[in-house]
Amino acid sequence: MKPIRYLSVQFDQRINQQEIRLFRSAIIEKTERRSSLFHNHKENTKQVIYRYPLIQYKQLEQERAGIICLDEGTEDIHQLFQVRNLNLRIGRKQQLFKVVDMQLRYYDLGLAETPATYHISNYLPFNQQRYARWKTLEGDEPARQELIAATLRGNILAFAKGVDCWIDGRVTATLKQLKPPKMVRFKQQQLLAFEATFTTNVNLPTWIGLGKGVSIGHGTVEPLNS
C-alpha cells in the first residue's frame, strides 16, 4: 500500500452543483494561476494537462463548498491560504468564504481484506465508445450494470495511477444499486450522469472523484460503511 496525503477543506458558504464550476474559476483567479494543479492547463495557454486532478472542487457536507487535495495538491493549496480574504464572485453573488473545517490525513491506497460499499454521485462514466456500447445494450439491464461496473474498475485504476500508486492484485467493483441516469451538460455536450452504490476491494478516500469531470464535483465517492 502507498500512503496518500489527503486534505479536505470545507467553507461556510453553500453552493449548488451548477455553481461548482464558478467556485473553481473564482479560486483559480484568487491564486493568480500560480500553480497548474488548480486548473490543469499549461502556463499562459488553454492547452489541457491530461492527468488526474490533485485539487478537486466539491459540494461537501450540508452542501458547503469544499476542496479536496491529494499529494502535491496538499502543498500547493497553501497558495490559496495566503490570500488575505476569500471574497469570491459566484455568478451574480459576491460572497466571503471562510474555512470551517480542514483535515489532513493519510490514506493507504491498496486492496482491502473486506470490500467496502460506496455511493457515487453525478458520475460521468462514458467515452464515445462506451456510450455506443451502452446504447446497444438497451433492454439488457444486467449487461448494462456490468458495463458500469467494468468502467468503475477502470476509473479506480486510473485514480491509482494518477496518484502514482500501483495496486498489487485484482481490483473488483460490483454494483449494488444503479438509479436511472439523467442528462447533464458537460463541455458543450449532453452526457449521461449516474448515481450508484457499489462495492470495491480498494480503499478509496472520501470525496475523491472517479470518471469524467472530477475537478468540478462529478463522480464524487463517499463510503457507506467503515
Protein backbone atom coordinates (compact mmCIF):
# COMPACT_ATOMS: atom_id res chain seq x y z
CA MET A 1 0.00 0.00 0.00
CA LYS A 2 1.08 3.57 -0.66
CA PRO A 3 0.06 6.29 1.83
CA ILE A 4 -1.62 9.21 0.04
CA ARG A 5 -1.56 12.69 1.52
CA TYR A 6 -5.14 13.93 1.70
CA LEU A 7 -6.52 17.33 2.73
CA SER A 8 -10.21 18.24 2.90
CA VAL A 9 -11.23 21.89 3.21
CA GLN A 10 -14.81 22.95 3.90
CA PHE A 11 -16.11 26.51 3.72
CA ASP A 12 -19.10 28.15 5.39
CA GLN A 13 -20.88 29.12 2.17
CA ARG A 14 -23.25 26.71 0.47
CA ILE A 15 -23.22 26.15 -3.29
CA ASN A 16 -25.29 24.03 -5.65
CA GLN A 17 -23.97 21.56 -8.20
CA GLN A 18 -24.17 24.10 -11.03
CA GLU A 19 -22.11 26.63 -9.04
CA ILE A 20 -19.10 24.34 -8.50
CA ARG A 21 -17.61 25.39 -11.84
CA LEU A 22 -18.00 29.08 -10.84
CA PHE A 23 -16.44 28.38 -7.44
CA ARG A 24 -13.47 26.72 -9.17
CA SER A 25 -12.99 29.68 -11.51
CA ALA A 26 -13.09 32.13 -8.60
CA ILE A 27 -10.46 30.16 -6.67
CA ILE A 28 -8.22 29.98 -9.74
CA GLU A 29 -8.37 33.75 -10.14
CA LYS A 30 -7.64 34.34 -6.44
CA THR A 31 -4.47 32.23 -6.69
CA GLU A 32 -3.45 34.08 -9.87
CA ARG A 33 -2.83 30.78 -11.70
CA ARG A 34 0.50 30.32 -9.92
CA SER A 35 0.05 26.53 -9.79
CA SER A 36 -1.30 24.44 -12.65
CA LEU A 37 -2.76 22.00 -10.10
CA PHE A 38 -5.60 24.48 -9.53
CA HIS A 39 -6.68 24.46 -13.19
CA ASN A 40 -4.75 21.74 -15.11
CA HIS A 41 -3.70 23.94 -18.03
CA LYS A 42 -0.22 24.71 -19.30
CA GLU A 43 1.13 28.11 -18.29
CA ASN A 44 -0.47 31.03 -20.18
CA THR A 45 -2.26 28.69 -22.60
CA LYS A 46 -5.59 26.91 -22.93
CA GLN A 47 -3.83 23.59 -23.51
CA VAL A 48 -5.12 20.98 -21.06
CA ILE A 49 -2.74 18.89 -18.96
CA TYR A 50 -4.20 15.39 -19.08
CA ARG A 51 -3.73 13.99 -15.58
CA TYR A 52 -5.83 13.01 -12.61
CA PRO A 53 -6.76 16.28 -10.82
CA LEU A 54 -4.97 16.61 -7.47
CA ILE A 55 -7.12 19.61 -6.50
CA GLN A 56 -10.86 18.98 -6.81
CA TYR A 57 -13.75 21.37 -6.14
CA LYS A 58 -16.82 19.92 -4.46
CA GLN A 59 -20.14 20.31 -2.74
CA LEU A 60 -19.48 18.63 0.62
CA GLU A 61 -21.37 18.26 3.92
CA GLN A 62 -24.60 20.25 4.16
CA GLU A 63 -23.98 21.44 0.57
CA ARG A 64 -21.00 23.53 1.68
CA ALA A 65 -18.31 24.46 -0.84
CA GLY A 66 -15.19 22.38 -0.42
CA ILE A 67 -11.84 21.44 -1.90
CA ILE A 68 -10.16 18.02 -1.84
CA CYS A 69 -6.37 17.96 -2.27
CA LEU A 70 -4.17 14.94 -2.88
CA ASP A 71 -0.37 14.55 -2.61
CA GLU A 72 1.24 17.64 -4.27
CA GLY A 73 -2.13 19.36 -4.13
CA THR A 74 -1.88 19.46 -0.32
CA GLU A 75 1.23 21.63 -0.74
CA ASP A 76 0.04 23.98 -3.49
CA ILE A 77 -3.26 24.71 -1.69
CA HIS A 78 -1.24 26.92 0.67
CA GLN A 79 -1.18 29.49 -2.14
CA LEU A 80 -4.90 29.90 -1.54
CA PHE A 81 -4.46 30.33 2.21
CA GLN A 82 -2.00 33.17 1.58
CA VAL A 83 -4.86 35.24 0.11
CA ARG A 84 -5.92 37.86 2.64
CA ASN A 85 -9.66 37.32 2.15
CA LEU A 86 -11.71 34.96 0.04
CA ASN A 87 -14.33 37.34 -1.24
CA LEU A 88 -15.47 35.35 -4.27
CA ARG A 89 -17.90 36.14 -7.06
CA ILE A 90 -20.17 33.14 -7.70
CA GLY A 91 -22.33 34.11 -10.65
CA ARG A 92 -24.02 37.36 -9.65
CA LYS A 93 -23.27 36.90 -5.95
CA GLN A 94 -20.25 38.29 -4.12
CA GLN A 95 -19.61 36.16 -1.02
CA LEU A 96 -16.98 35.97 1.68
CA PHE A 97 -15.84 32.35 2.12
CA LYS A 98 -14.41 31.24 5.47
CA VAL A 99 -12.87 27.85 6.30
CA VAL A 100 -14.97 25.96 8.86
CA ASP A 101 -13.21 22.59 8.74
CA MET A 102 -9.84 21.38 7.49
CA GLN A 103 -8.44 17.88 7.95
CA LEU A 104 -5.10 16.47 6.86
CA ARG A 105 -4.67 12.71 6.90
CA TYR A 106 -3.06 9.82 5.08
CA TYR A 107 -4.89 7.08 3.20
CA ASP A 108 -3.34 3.70 2.48
CA LEU A 109 -4.32 3.05 -1.11
CA GLY A 110 -4.37 -0.67 -1.78
CA LEU A 111 -6.50 -3.78 -1.60
CA ALA A 112 -8.66 -4.25 1.49
CA GLU A 113 -9.29 -7.58 3.19
CA THR A 114 -13.03 -6.91 3.09
CA PRO A 115 -14.77 -4.97 0.26
CA ALA A 116 -16.38 -1.69 1.31
CA THR A 117 -19.55 -0.06 0.00
CA TYR A 118 -19.53 3.39 -1.58
CA HIS A 119 -22.00 5.82 -3.06
CA ILE A 120 -21.05 7.72 -6.22
CA SER A 121 -22.96 10.78 -7.42
CA ASN A 122 -23.08 12.71 -10.71
CA TYR A 123 -20.89 10.02 -12.25
CA LEU A 124 -19.89 10.52 -15.90
CA PRO A 125 -18.53 7.11 -16.95
CA PHE A 126 -18.68 7.09 -20.73
CA ASN A 127 -16.44 7.98 -23.61
CA GLN A 128 -17.93 7.71 -27.11
CA GLN A 129 -17.14 4.01 -27.45
CA ARG A 130 -18.64 3.01 -24.11
CA TYR A 131 -21.72 5.17 -24.73
CA ALA A 132 -22.23 3.40 -28.07
CA ARG A 133 -21.91 0.08 -26.25
CA TRP A 134 -24.46 1.26 -23.65
CA LYS A 135 -26.99 2.04 -26.38
CA THR A 136 -26.63 -1.40 -27.95
CA LEU A 137 -27.46 -2.98 -24.57
CA GLU A 138 -30.89 -1.37 -24.28
CA GLY A 139 -33.25 -3.80 -22.56
CA ASP A 140 -30.43 -5.88 -21.08
CA GLU A 141 -30.12 -4.39 -17.60
CA PRO A 142 -27.59 -6.94 -16.21
CA ALA A 143 -25.25 -6.26 -19.15
CA ARG A 144 -25.62 -2.51 -18.66
CA GLN A 145 -24.80 -2.84 -14.97
CA GLU A 146 -21.72 -4.91 -15.78
CA LEU A 147 -20.61 -2.22 -18.25
CA ILE A 148 -20.85 0.40 -15.47
CA ALA A 149 -19.02 -1.91 -13.04
CA ALA A 150 -16.23 -2.52 -15.56
CA THR A 151 -15.94 1.23 -16.14
CA LEU A 152 -15.71 1.81 -12.39
CA ARG A 153 -12.86 -0.71 -12.16
CA GLY A 154 -11.03 1.15 -14.90
CA ASN A 155 -11.64 4.50 -13.21
CA ILE A 156 -10.30 3.19 -9.88
CA LEU A 157 -7.13 2.02 -11.62
CA ALA A 158 -6.84 5.40 -13.37
CA PHE A 159 -7.14 7.14 -10.00
CA ALA A 160 -4.40 4.93 -8.54
CA LYS A 161 -2.14 5.68 -11.50
CA GLY A 162 -2.91 9.40 -11.12
CA VAL A 163 -1.54 9.39 -7.57
CA ASP A 164 1.45 7.28 -8.63
CA CYS A 165 0.31 4.09 -6.95
CA TRP A 166 0.48 0.51 -8.19
CA ILE A 167 -2.26 -1.75 -6.83
CA ASP A 168 -0.83 -5.23 -6.47
CA GLY A 169 -3.72 -7.58 -7.16
CA ARG A 170 -7.08 -7.78 -8.91
CA VAL A 171 -9.40 -4.80 -8.45
CA THR A 172 -13.08 -5.66 -8.09
CA ALA A 173 -16.14 -3.43 -8.36
CA THR A 174 -19.73 -4.67 -8.12
CA LEU A 175 -22.87 -2.57 -8.49
CA LYS A 176 -25.41 -2.81 -5.68
CA GLN A 177 -27.82 -0.17 -6.96
CA LEU A 178 -27.98 1.94 -10.12
CA LYS A 179 -30.52 4.72 -10.49
CA PRO A 180 -31.84 5.80 -13.91
CA PRO A 181 -29.38 8.27 -15.47
CA LYS A 182 -30.04 11.94 -16.10
CA MET A 183 -28.67 14.18 -18.83
CA VAL A 184 -26.19 16.89 -17.81
CA ARG A 185 -24.29 19.45 -19.81
CA PHE A 186 -20.51 18.97 -19.76
CA LYS A 187 -18.09 20.82 -22.07
CA GLN A 188 -20.80 21.71 -24.60
CA GLN A 189 -22.06 18.12 -24.65
CA GLN A 190 -25.07 16.35 -23.18
CA LEU A 191 -23.82 13.35 -21.18
CA LEU A 192 -25.44 10.65 -19.06
CA ALA A 193 -24.82 11.13 -15.33
CA PHE A 194 -25.40 8.27 -12.88
CA GLU A 195 -25.97 7.80 -9.17
CA ALA A 196 -24.99 4.37 -7.87
CA THR A 197 -23.96 2.26 -4.91
CA PHE A 198 -21.09 -0.17 -5.40
CA THR A 199 -18.62 -2.31 -3.52
CA THR A 200 -14.90 -2.47 -4.21
CA ASN A 201 -11.89 -4.09 -2.60
CA VAL A 202 -9.85 -0.86 -2.89
CA ASN A 203 -9.61 1.65 -0.04
CA LEU A 204 -10.98 4.83 -1.63
CA PRO A 205 -10.50 8.21 0.09
CA THR A 206 -13.72 10.04 0.98
CA TRP A 207 -14.94 12.55 -1.64
CA ILE A 208 -12.39 11.76 -4.33
CA GLY A 209 -13.77 11.68 -7.87
CA LEU A 210 -13.98 8.92 -10.48
CA GLY A 211 -14.73 9.25 -14.18
CA LYS A 212 -15.03 12.50 -16.12
CA GLY A 213 -15.28 15.97 -14.58
CA VAL A 214 -13.91 15.06 -11.15
CA SER A 215 -12.34 18.51 -10.73
CA ILE A 216 -15.83 20.08 -10.68
CA GLY A 217 -17.67 17.60 -8.47
CA HIS A 218 -18.62 14.78 -10.82
CA GLY A 219 -18.19 11.17 -9.72
CA THR A 220 -17.77 12.04 -6.03
CA VAL A 221 -17.36 8.93 -3.84
CA GLU A 222 -18.49 8.56 -0.23
CA PRO A 223 -18.16 5.42 1.92
CA LEU A 224 -21.34 3.90 3.31
CA ASN A 225 -19.63 1.66 5.88
CA SER A 226 -16.38 1.67 7.82
